[in-house]
Amino acid sequence: MSAEAQDALVALSQWIDSNNAHRDPEAVAWGRLAKISEENGEVIEAFIGATGQNPRKGLTHTMHDVLAELLDVAVTALGAYEHLDGHRGRSLATLDAKIIAVQQRASGASNG
C-alpha cells in the first residue's frame, strides 16, 4: 500500500471530520460507522441492477458499478478506522497485516 494512498485517506478522513466538528464526537463516530452500512446498501442496489433482479427496472447497473461500490465501502471503512484511530495513518498497514493474518488462519483451517 502506498504512502500516497495512506496520506490521501488520512486527509479525506480529516476533511470529513472538519465538516462535522460542530457535532458531538460520539455522534460523529456513529455517523462514520453508519456510513459504512449505507455504502454497503449501494453495493446491493448495484448488484440488483446489474443482474436485473427487479423486473420493473431491468438492468440499471453493470458489474463495474458493483466493483466501484465495493471500493467505496472499503474507503469508507478505512476512513472510519482513521477517525477512530486518531488519524495516525495506520489503516492501510493494519489492513495489510489483517489480510495476511486472515489468509494464514484460513490456510491453517483448511489444513486441519
N, C-alpha and C. Protein backbone atom coordinates (compact mmCIF):
# COMPACT_ATOMS: atom_id res chain seq x y z
N MET A 1 0.86 -1.17 0.00
CA MET A 1 0.00 0.00 0.00
C MET A 1 0.91 1.23 0.00
N SER A 2 0.56 2.20 -0.79
CA SER A 2 1.44 3.34 -0.97
C SER A 2 1.26 4.39 0.13
N ALA A 3 2.34 5.10 0.38
CA ALA A 3 2.28 6.22 1.33
C ALA A 3 1.34 7.31 0.81
N GLU A 4 1.32 7.49 -0.51
CA GLU A 4 0.43 8.49 -1.09
C GLU A 4 -1.03 8.16 -0.81
N ALA A 5 -1.39 6.88 -0.97
CA ALA A 5 -2.77 6.47 -0.69
C ALA A 5 -3.10 6.65 0.79
N GLN A 6 -2.16 6.30 1.67
CA GLN A 6 -2.40 6.46 3.10
C GLN A 6 -2.58 7.93 3.45
N ASP A 7 -1.73 8.78 2.91
CA ASP A 7 -1.85 10.22 3.17
C ASP A 7 -3.19 10.76 2.66
N ALA A 8 -3.61 10.29 1.49
CA ALA A 8 -4.88 10.73 0.92
C ALA A 8 -6.05 10.28 1.79
N LEU A 9 -5.96 9.07 2.31
CA LEU A 9 -7.02 8.56 3.18
C LEU A 9 -7.11 9.36 4.48
N VAL A 10 -5.98 9.68 5.06
CA VAL A 10 -5.98 10.50 6.28
C VAL A 10 -6.56 11.87 5.98
N ALA A 11 -6.14 12.48 4.89
CA ALA A 11 -6.64 13.81 4.52
C ALA A 11 -8.15 13.78 4.30
N LEU A 12 -8.64 12.75 3.63
CA LEU A 12 -10.07 12.61 3.40
C LEU A 12 -10.83 12.47 4.72
N SER A 13 -10.32 11.64 5.60
CA SER A 13 -10.97 11.44 6.90
C SER A 13 -10.96 12.73 7.72
N GLN A 14 -9.85 13.43 7.71
CA GLN A 14 -9.78 14.71 8.43
C GLN A 14 -10.74 15.73 7.84
N TRP A 15 -10.88 15.74 6.53
CA TRP A 15 -11.81 16.66 5.87
C TRP A 15 -13.24 16.37 6.32
N ILE A 16 -13.61 15.09 6.34
CA ILE A 16 -14.95 14.71 6.81
C ILE A 16 -15.14 15.17 8.25
N ASP A 17 -14.16 14.92 9.09
CA ASP A 17 -14.27 15.32 10.49
C ASP A 17 -14.36 16.83 10.65
N SER A 18 -13.59 17.57 9.86
CA SER A 18 -13.62 19.03 9.99
C SER A 18 -14.98 19.60 9.62
N ASN A 19 -15.68 18.93 8.73
CA ASN A 19 -17.01 19.37 8.35
C ASN A 19 -18.08 18.93 9.35
N ASN A 20 -17.68 18.16 10.34
CA ASN A 20 -18.60 17.71 11.39
C ASN A 20 -18.11 18.14 12.77
N ALA A 21 -17.18 19.07 12.81
CA ALA A 21 -16.57 19.48 14.08
C ALA A 21 -17.57 20.09 15.06
N HIS A 22 -18.67 20.61 14.56
CA HIS A 22 -19.68 21.23 15.41
C HIS A 22 -20.57 20.20 16.10
N ARG A 23 -20.46 18.93 15.70
CA ARG A 23 -21.32 17.88 16.24
C ARG A 23 -20.67 17.20 17.44
N ASP A 24 -21.47 16.54 18.23
CA ASP A 24 -21.00 15.75 19.36
C ASP A 24 -20.04 14.66 18.84
N PRO A 25 -18.89 14.46 19.47
CA PRO A 25 -17.92 13.47 18.98
C PRO A 25 -18.49 12.06 18.84
N GLU A 26 -19.36 11.67 19.78
CA GLU A 26 -19.94 10.34 19.67
C GLU A 26 -20.87 10.26 18.47
N ALA A 27 -21.60 11.32 18.21
CA ALA A 27 -22.50 11.36 17.05
C ALA A 27 -21.69 11.28 15.76
N VAL A 28 -20.54 11.92 15.74
CA VAL A 28 -19.68 11.87 14.56
C VAL A 28 -19.21 10.43 14.33
N ALA A 29 -18.78 9.76 15.40
CA ALA A 29 -18.33 8.37 15.28
C ALA A 29 -19.47 7.48 14.77
N TRP A 30 -20.67 7.65 15.35
CA TRP A 30 -21.82 6.88 14.88
C TRP A 30 -22.08 7.15 13.40
N GLY A 31 -21.98 8.39 13.00
CA GLY A 31 -22.20 8.74 11.60
C GLY A 31 -21.18 8.08 10.69
N ARG A 32 -19.93 8.06 11.12
CA ARG A 32 -18.88 7.44 10.30
C ARG A 32 -19.15 5.95 10.14
N LEU A 33 -19.57 5.29 11.22
CA LEU A 33 -19.84 3.86 11.16
C LEU A 33 -21.11 3.55 10.37
N ALA A 34 -22.14 4.36 10.55
CA ALA A 34 -23.39 4.15 9.81
C ALA A 34 -23.17 4.33 8.32
N LYS A 35 -22.27 5.20 7.94
CA LYS A 35 -21.99 5.44 6.53
C LYS A 35 -21.50 4.18 5.83
N ILE A 36 -20.81 3.32 6.58
CA ILE A 36 -20.34 2.05 6.01
C ILE A 36 -21.55 1.21 5.58
N SER A 37 -22.56 1.16 6.43
CA SER A 37 -23.78 0.40 6.09
C SER A 37 -24.50 1.01 4.90
N GLU A 38 -24.52 2.32 4.84
CA GLU A 38 -25.17 2.98 3.71
C GLU A 38 -24.45 2.63 2.40
N GLU A 39 -23.13 2.64 2.44
CA GLU A 39 -22.35 2.28 1.24
C GLU A 39 -22.59 0.82 0.88
N ASN A 40 -22.70 -0.04 1.89
CA ASN A 40 -22.99 -1.45 1.64
C ASN A 40 -24.33 -1.61 0.91
N GLY A 41 -25.31 -0.81 1.30
CA GLY A 41 -26.60 -0.84 0.62
C GLY A 41 -26.46 -0.47 -0.84
N GLU A 42 -25.55 0.42 -1.15
CA GLU A 42 -25.33 0.80 -2.54
C GLU A 42 -24.71 -0.35 -3.34
N VAL A 43 -23.90 -1.18 -2.69
CA VAL A 43 -23.38 -2.38 -3.35
C VAL A 43 -24.53 -3.29 -3.75
N ILE A 44 -25.44 -3.52 -2.80
CA ILE A 44 -26.58 -4.40 -3.06
C ILE A 44 -27.47 -3.82 -4.16
N GLU A 45 -27.72 -2.53 -4.09
CA GLU A 45 -28.53 -1.88 -5.13
C GLU A 45 -27.88 -2.05 -6.50
N ALA A 46 -26.58 -1.86 -6.58
CA ALA A 46 -25.88 -2.00 -7.86
C ALA A 46 -25.92 -3.45 -8.35
N PHE A 47 -25.78 -4.40 -7.44
CA PHE A 47 -25.81 -5.81 -7.85
C PHE A 47 -27.21 -6.19 -8.34
N ILE A 48 -28.23 -5.74 -7.65
CA ILE A 48 -29.60 -5.99 -8.12
C ILE A 48 -29.78 -5.40 -9.51
N GLY A 49 -29.28 -4.19 -9.71
CA GLY A 49 -29.38 -3.54 -11.01
C GLY A 49 -28.55 -4.21 -12.09
N ALA A 50 -27.41 -4.77 -11.71
CA ALA A 50 -26.53 -5.42 -12.69
C ALA A 50 -27.06 -6.79 -13.10
N THR A 51 -27.85 -7.41 -12.23
CA THR A 51 -28.37 -8.74 -12.53
C THR A 51 -29.83 -8.71 -12.96
N GLY A 52 -30.42 -7.52 -12.98
CA GLY A 52 -31.80 -7.39 -13.45
C GLY A 52 -32.82 -8.04 -12.55
N GLN A 53 -32.56 -8.10 -11.27
CA GLN A 53 -33.46 -8.79 -10.34
C GLN A 53 -34.76 -8.04 -10.10
N ASN A 54 -34.81 -6.77 -10.45
CA ASN A 54 -36.07 -6.02 -10.32
C ASN A 54 -36.65 -5.89 -11.73
N PRO A 55 -37.67 -6.72 -12.06
CA PRO A 55 -38.20 -6.70 -13.43
C PRO A 55 -38.81 -5.36 -13.83
N ARG A 56 -39.24 -4.59 -12.85
CA ARG A 56 -39.80 -3.29 -13.18
C ARG A 56 -38.73 -2.34 -13.69
N LYS A 57 -37.51 -2.45 -13.16
CA LYS A 57 -36.43 -1.55 -13.56
C LYS A 57 -35.51 -2.15 -14.60
N GLY A 58 -35.39 -3.47 -14.63
CA GLY A 58 -34.48 -4.11 -15.58
C GLY A 58 -33.03 -3.90 -15.21
N LEU A 59 -32.17 -3.89 -16.20
CA LEU A 59 -30.73 -3.70 -15.97
C LEU A 59 -30.45 -2.21 -15.83
N THR A 60 -29.99 -1.82 -14.66
CA THR A 60 -29.72 -0.41 -14.39
C THR A 60 -28.26 -0.14 -14.04
N HIS A 61 -27.50 -1.20 -13.78
CA HIS A 61 -26.10 -1.07 -13.38
C HIS A 61 -25.28 -2.12 -14.13
N THR A 62 -23.97 -2.02 -13.98
CA THR A 62 -23.05 -3.00 -14.53
C THR A 62 -22.24 -3.62 -13.40
N MET A 63 -21.54 -4.69 -13.69
CA MET A 63 -20.65 -5.26 -12.67
C MET A 63 -19.53 -4.27 -12.33
N HIS A 64 -19.17 -3.42 -13.26
CA HIS A 64 -18.20 -2.37 -12.96
C HIS A 64 -18.74 -1.46 -11.84
N ASP A 65 -20.03 -1.15 -11.91
CA ASP A 65 -20.66 -0.35 -10.85
C ASP A 65 -20.59 -1.06 -9.50
N VAL A 66 -20.82 -2.38 -9.51
CA VAL A 66 -20.75 -3.16 -8.27
C VAL A 66 -19.35 -3.10 -7.69
N LEU A 67 -18.35 -3.29 -8.54
CA LEU A 67 -16.96 -3.24 -8.08
C LEU A 67 -16.61 -1.86 -7.52
N ALA A 68 -17.07 -0.82 -8.18
CA ALA A 68 -16.80 0.54 -7.70
C ALA A 68 -17.46 0.77 -6.34
N GLU A 69 -18.67 0.26 -6.16
CA GLU A 69 -19.36 0.41 -4.88
C GLU A 69 -18.64 -0.37 -3.77
N LEU A 70 -18.11 -1.54 -4.10
CA LEU A 70 -17.34 -2.30 -3.11
C LEU A 70 -16.13 -1.50 -2.63
N LEU A 71 -15.48 -0.83 -3.56
CA LEU A 71 -14.34 0.00 -3.17
C LEU A 71 -14.78 1.19 -2.33
N ASP A 72 -15.97 1.73 -2.62
CA ASP A 72 -16.50 2.81 -1.77
C ASP A 72 -16.69 2.33 -0.34
N VAL A 73 -17.16 1.09 -0.18
CA VAL A 73 -17.32 0.51 1.17
C VAL A 73 -15.95 0.44 1.85
N ALA A 74 -14.95 -0.03 1.12
CA ALA A 74 -13.62 -0.17 1.69
C ALA A 74 -13.04 1.18 2.10
N VAL A 75 -13.16 2.17 1.24
CA VAL A 75 -12.63 3.51 1.56
C VAL A 75 -13.36 4.10 2.77
N THR A 76 -14.67 3.91 2.81
CA THR A 76 -15.46 4.43 3.93
C THR A 76 -15.06 3.75 5.23
N ALA A 77 -14.87 2.44 5.19
CA ALA A 77 -14.46 1.71 6.39
C ALA A 77 -13.06 2.13 6.84
N LEU A 78 -12.16 2.29 5.89
CA LEU A 78 -10.80 2.71 6.25
C LEU A 78 -10.78 4.14 6.79
N GLY A 79 -11.64 4.99 6.24
CA GLY A 79 -11.75 6.34 6.77
C GLY A 79 -12.27 6.34 8.19
N ALA A 80 -13.24 5.48 8.47
CA ALA A 80 -13.76 5.36 9.83
C ALA A 80 -12.67 4.84 10.76
N TYR A 81 -11.86 3.91 10.27
CA TYR A 81 -10.72 3.42 11.06
C TYR A 81 -9.79 4.58 11.41
N GLU A 82 -9.46 5.38 10.42
CA GLU A 82 -8.59 6.53 10.67
C GLU A 82 -9.21 7.47 11.71
N HIS A 83 -10.50 7.73 11.57
CA HIS A 83 -11.19 8.60 12.53
C HIS A 83 -11.04 8.06 13.94
N LEU A 84 -11.36 6.78 14.12
CA LEU A 84 -11.34 6.18 15.45
C LEU A 84 -9.93 6.01 15.99
N ASP A 85 -8.94 5.94 15.09
CA ASP A 85 -7.55 5.76 15.48
C ASP A 85 -6.79 7.09 15.58
N GLY A 86 -7.52 8.19 15.50
CA GLY A 86 -6.88 9.50 15.66
C GLY A 86 -6.09 9.98 14.46
N HIS A 87 -6.44 9.52 13.27
CA HIS A 87 -5.77 9.95 12.03
C HIS A 87 -4.26 9.76 12.10
N ARG A 88 -3.85 8.61 12.58
CA ARG A 88 -2.42 8.34 12.71
C ARG A 88 -1.80 7.70 11.47
N GLY A 89 -2.62 7.51 10.43
CA GLY A 89 -2.08 6.99 9.18
C GLY A 89 -1.66 5.54 9.24
N ARG A 90 -2.41 4.75 9.99
CA ARG A 90 -2.04 3.34 10.16
C ARG A 90 -3.01 2.38 9.49
N SER A 91 -4.07 2.87 8.89
CA SER A 91 -5.12 1.97 8.41
C SER A 91 -4.65 1.02 7.32
N LEU A 92 -3.90 1.49 6.35
CA LEU A 92 -3.51 0.61 5.25
C LEU A 92 -2.49 -0.43 5.68
N ALA A 93 -1.55 -0.05 6.53
CA ALA A 93 -0.59 -1.03 7.05
C ALA A 93 -1.31 -2.06 7.93
N THR A 94 -2.27 -1.60 8.71
CA THR A 94 -3.04 -2.51 9.55
C THR A 94 -3.89 -3.43 8.68
N LEU A 95 -4.44 -2.89 7.59
CA LEU A 95 -5.21 -3.72 6.66
C LEU A 95 -4.31 -4.78 6.03
N ASP A 96 -3.12 -4.41 5.62
CA ASP A 96 -2.17 -5.39 5.08
C ASP A 96 -1.98 -6.54 6.06
N ALA A 97 -1.68 -6.19 7.31
CA ALA A 97 -1.45 -7.21 8.34
C ALA A 97 -2.70 -8.06 8.56
N LYS A 98 -3.86 -7.44 8.53
CA LYS A 98 -5.12 -8.16 8.73
C LYS A 98 -5.36 -9.16 7.60
N ILE A 99 -5.13 -8.74 6.37
CA ILE A 99 -5.31 -9.63 5.22
C ILE A 99 -4.40 -10.85 5.35
N ILE A 100 -3.16 -10.62 5.71
CA ILE A 100 -2.20 -11.72 5.85
C ILE A 100 -2.63 -12.65 6.99
N ALA A 101 -3.05 -12.08 8.12
CA ALA A 101 -3.49 -12.90 9.26
C ALA A 101 -4.71 -13.74 8.91
N VAL A 102 -5.67 -13.15 8.20
CA VAL A 102 -6.87 -13.89 7.82
C VAL A 102 -6.51 -15.03 6.86
N GLN A 103 -5.63 -14.75 5.91
CA GLN A 103 -5.21 -15.79 4.97
C GLN A 103 -4.50 -16.91 5.71
N GLN A 104 -3.64 -16.57 6.66
CA GLN A 104 -2.93 -17.59 7.43
C GLN A 104 -3.90 -18.44 8.26
N ARG A 105 -4.89 -17.78 8.86
CA ARG A 105 -5.91 -18.53 9.61
C ARG A 105 -6.68 -19.46 8.67
N ALA A 106 -7.03 -18.94 7.51
CA ALA A 106 -7.80 -19.74 6.55
C ALA A 106 -6.98 -20.93 6.05
N SER A 107 -5.73 -20.71 5.75
CA SER A 107 -4.92 -21.83 5.26
C SER A 107 -4.64 -22.84 6.36
N GLY A 108 -4.55 -22.36 7.61
CA GLY A 108 -4.40 -23.27 8.74
C GLY A 108 -5.66 -24.08 8.97
N ALA A 109 -6.81 -23.45 8.78
CA ALA A 109 -8.09 -24.14 8.96
C ALA A 109 -8.29 -25.20 7.89
N SER A 110 -7.83 -24.91 6.68
CA SER A 110 -8.02 -25.88 5.59
C SER A 110 -7.05 -27.06 5.71
N ASN A 111 -5.97 -26.87 6.46
CA ASN A 111 -5.01 -27.95 6.66
C ASN A 111 -5.39 -28.81 7.87
N GLY A 112 -6.33 -28.32 8.68
CA GLY A 112 -6.68 -29.02 9.93
C GLY A 112 -7.64 -30.04 9.71
